[in-house]
Amino acid sequence: QVQLVESGGGLVQAGGSLRLSCAASGSIFSINVMGWFRQAPGKQRELVATIISGGGTNYADSVKGRFTISRDNDKNTVYLQMNSLKPEDTAVYYCLLNQWSRNYWGQGTQVTVSS
């Protein structure tokens, strides 16, 4: 079993910053992909950023240059530093762990950016 616990969401003004964290526990293998997706009301869940265990990253075009994903393999934790936040970044942010072709999701954390 794998559990993912997210933290760090909240309310921030446009132009502000937030840092999300997601700690994974349980049967975690050394080779995996961790990442963040988001879902705004009435919209489909979309990729924000992913990072493989070796450190390679991938970002959605909408967040490039503003968001940075990182991970601590010793702690099985992934982070998302979000800067220059915009109202359109408002969404529930979900943590993802993919290992052995199976996806595990966190419960989600709300990020609200006011204009």
Protein backbone atom coordinates (compact mmCIF):
# COMPACT_ATOMS: atom_id res chain seq x y z
CA GLN A 1 0.00 0.00 0.00
CA VAL A 2 1.06 3.55 -0.76
CA GLN A 3 -0.20 6.69 0.94
CA LEU A 4 0.37 10.26 -0.21
CA VAL A 5 -0.19 13.21 2.09
CA GLU A 6 -0.16 16.72 0.66
CA SER A 7 0.26 20.00 2.50
CA GLY A 8 0.91 23.65 1.80
CA GLY A 9 -2.17 24.84 -0.05
CA GLY A 10 -4.04 27.99 0.85
CA LEU A 11 -5.18 31.44 -0.21
CA VAL A 12 -2.71 33.88 -1.74
CA GLN A 13 -2.90 37.10 -3.71
CA ALA A 14 -1.90 37.24 -7.35
CA GLY A 15 1.86 37.52 -7.66
CA GLY A 16 2.43 35.64 -4.43
CA SER A 17 4.04 32.29 -3.73
CA LEU A 18 3.15 28.96 -2.17
CA ARG A 19 5.06 25.74 -1.63
CA LEU A 20 3.29 22.40 -1.77
CA SER A 21 4.69 19.23 -0.24
CA CYS A 22 3.69 15.61 -0.72
CA ALA A 23 5.08 12.83 1.45
CA ALA A 24 4.78 9.24 0.28
CA SER A 25 4.78 6.28 2.63
CA GLY A 26 4.34 2.54 2.35
CA SER A 27 5.87 0.34 -0.33
CA ILE A 28 7.93 2.89 -2.25
CA PHE A 29 10.38 1.68 -4.88
CA SER A 30 13.53 3.58 -5.68
CA ILE A 31 12.58 4.08 -9.33
CA ASN A 32 9.40 6.08 -9.78
CA VAL A 33 7.82 9.25 -11.05
CA MET A 34 6.29 11.83 -8.75
CA GLY A 35 4.38 14.88 -9.78
CA TRP A 36 1.55 17.33 -9.45
CA PHE A 37 -1.70 17.64 -11.33
CA ARG A 38 -4.48 20.15 -10.79
CA GLN A 39 -8.19 20.37 -11.38
CA ALA A 40 -10.16 23.59 -11.54
CA PRO A 41 -13.97 23.63 -11.17
CA GLY A 42 -15.63 22.37 -14.32
CA LYS A 43 -12.35 21.38 -15.93
CA GLN A 44 -10.43 18.17 -16.42
CA ARG A 45 -7.46 17.28 -14.28
CA GLU A 46 -4.28 18.49 -15.97
CA LEU A 47 -0.56 17.95 -15.63
CA VAL A 48 1.40 20.61 -13.77
CA ALA A 49 4.84 19.03 -13.40
CA THR A 50 6.56 15.69 -12.96
CA ILE A 51 9.97 14.57 -11.75
CA ILE A 52 11.61 11.18 -12.08
CA SER A 53 13.71 9.60 -9.37
CA GLY A 54 16.86 10.57 -11.28
CA GLY A 55 15.84 14.23 -11.27
CA GLY A 56 14.55 14.83 -14.79
CA THR A 57 11.59 17.19 -14.89
CA ASN A 58 8.66 18.05 -17.13
CA TYR A 59 6.37 21.09 -16.88
CA ALA A 60 3.14 22.25 -18.41
CA ASP A 61 3.72 25.27 -20.65
CA SER A 62 1.40 27.34 -18.47
CA VAL A 63 3.69 27.07 -15.43
CA LYS A 64 7.16 27.06 -17.00
CA GLY A 65 9.36 29.71 -15.47
CA ARG A 66 7.03 30.17 -12.48
CA PHE A 67 6.82 26.75 -10.82
CA THR A 68 9.68 24.48 -9.76
CA ILE A 69 9.31 20.82 -8.87
CA SER A 70 11.87 19.04 -6.72
CA ARG A 71 12.12 15.90 -4.63
CA ASP A 72 13.95 14.41 -1.67
CA ASN A 73 14.38 10.72 -2.38
CA ASP A 74 15.49 9.97 1.18
CA LYS A 75 12.20 11.35 2.48
CA ASN A 76 10.05 10.14 -0.47
CA THR A 77 8.77 13.69 -0.70
CA VAL A 78 8.04 15.89 -3.69
CA TYR A 79 7.72 19.66 -3.59
CA LEU A 80 6.17 22.27 -5.84
CA GLN A 81 7.40 25.83 -5.43
CA MET A 82 4.86 28.14 -7.05
CA ASN A 83 5.86 31.74 -7.71
CA SER A 84 4.15 34.59 -9.55
CA LEU A 85 0.81 32.93 -8.97
CA LYS A 86 -2.14 33.93 -11.15
CA PRO A 87 -5.88 33.61 -10.55
CA GLU A 88 -5.98 30.95 -13.25
CA ASP A 89 -3.73 28.78 -11.07
CA THR A 90 -6.66 28.34 -8.69
CA ALA A 91 -7.44 24.63 -8.44
CA VAL A 92 -7.22 21.56 -6.29
CA TYR A 93 -3.67 20.25 -6.60
CA TYR A 94 -3.13 16.51 -6.50
CA CYS A 95 0.11 14.67 -5.85
CA LEU A 96 0.91 11.65 -8.01
CA LEU A 97 3.26 8.72 -7.52
CA ASN A 98 3.71 6.34 -10.43
CA GLN A 99 5.63 3.11 -9.93
CA TRP A 100 5.41 -0.20 -11.75
CA SER A 101 2.88 1.42 -14.11
CA ARG A 102 0.45 2.08 -11.30
CA ASN A 103 -0.75 5.53 -10.25
CA TYR A 104 -1.31 6.57 -6.66
CA TRP A 105 -3.00 9.88 -5.82
CA GLY A 106 -3.11 12.14 -2.82
CA GLN A 107 -6.32 13.58 -1.44
CA GLY A 108 -5.71 17.01 -2.96
CA THR A 109 -4.98 20.44 -1.53
CA GLN A 110 -6.79 23.63 -2.47
CA VAL A 111 -4.86 26.54 -3.92
CA THR A 112 -6.79 29.78 -4.36
CA VAL A 113 -5.25 32.86 -5.97
CA SER A 114 -7.17 36.09 -5.56
CA SER A 115 -6.90 38.95 -8.04
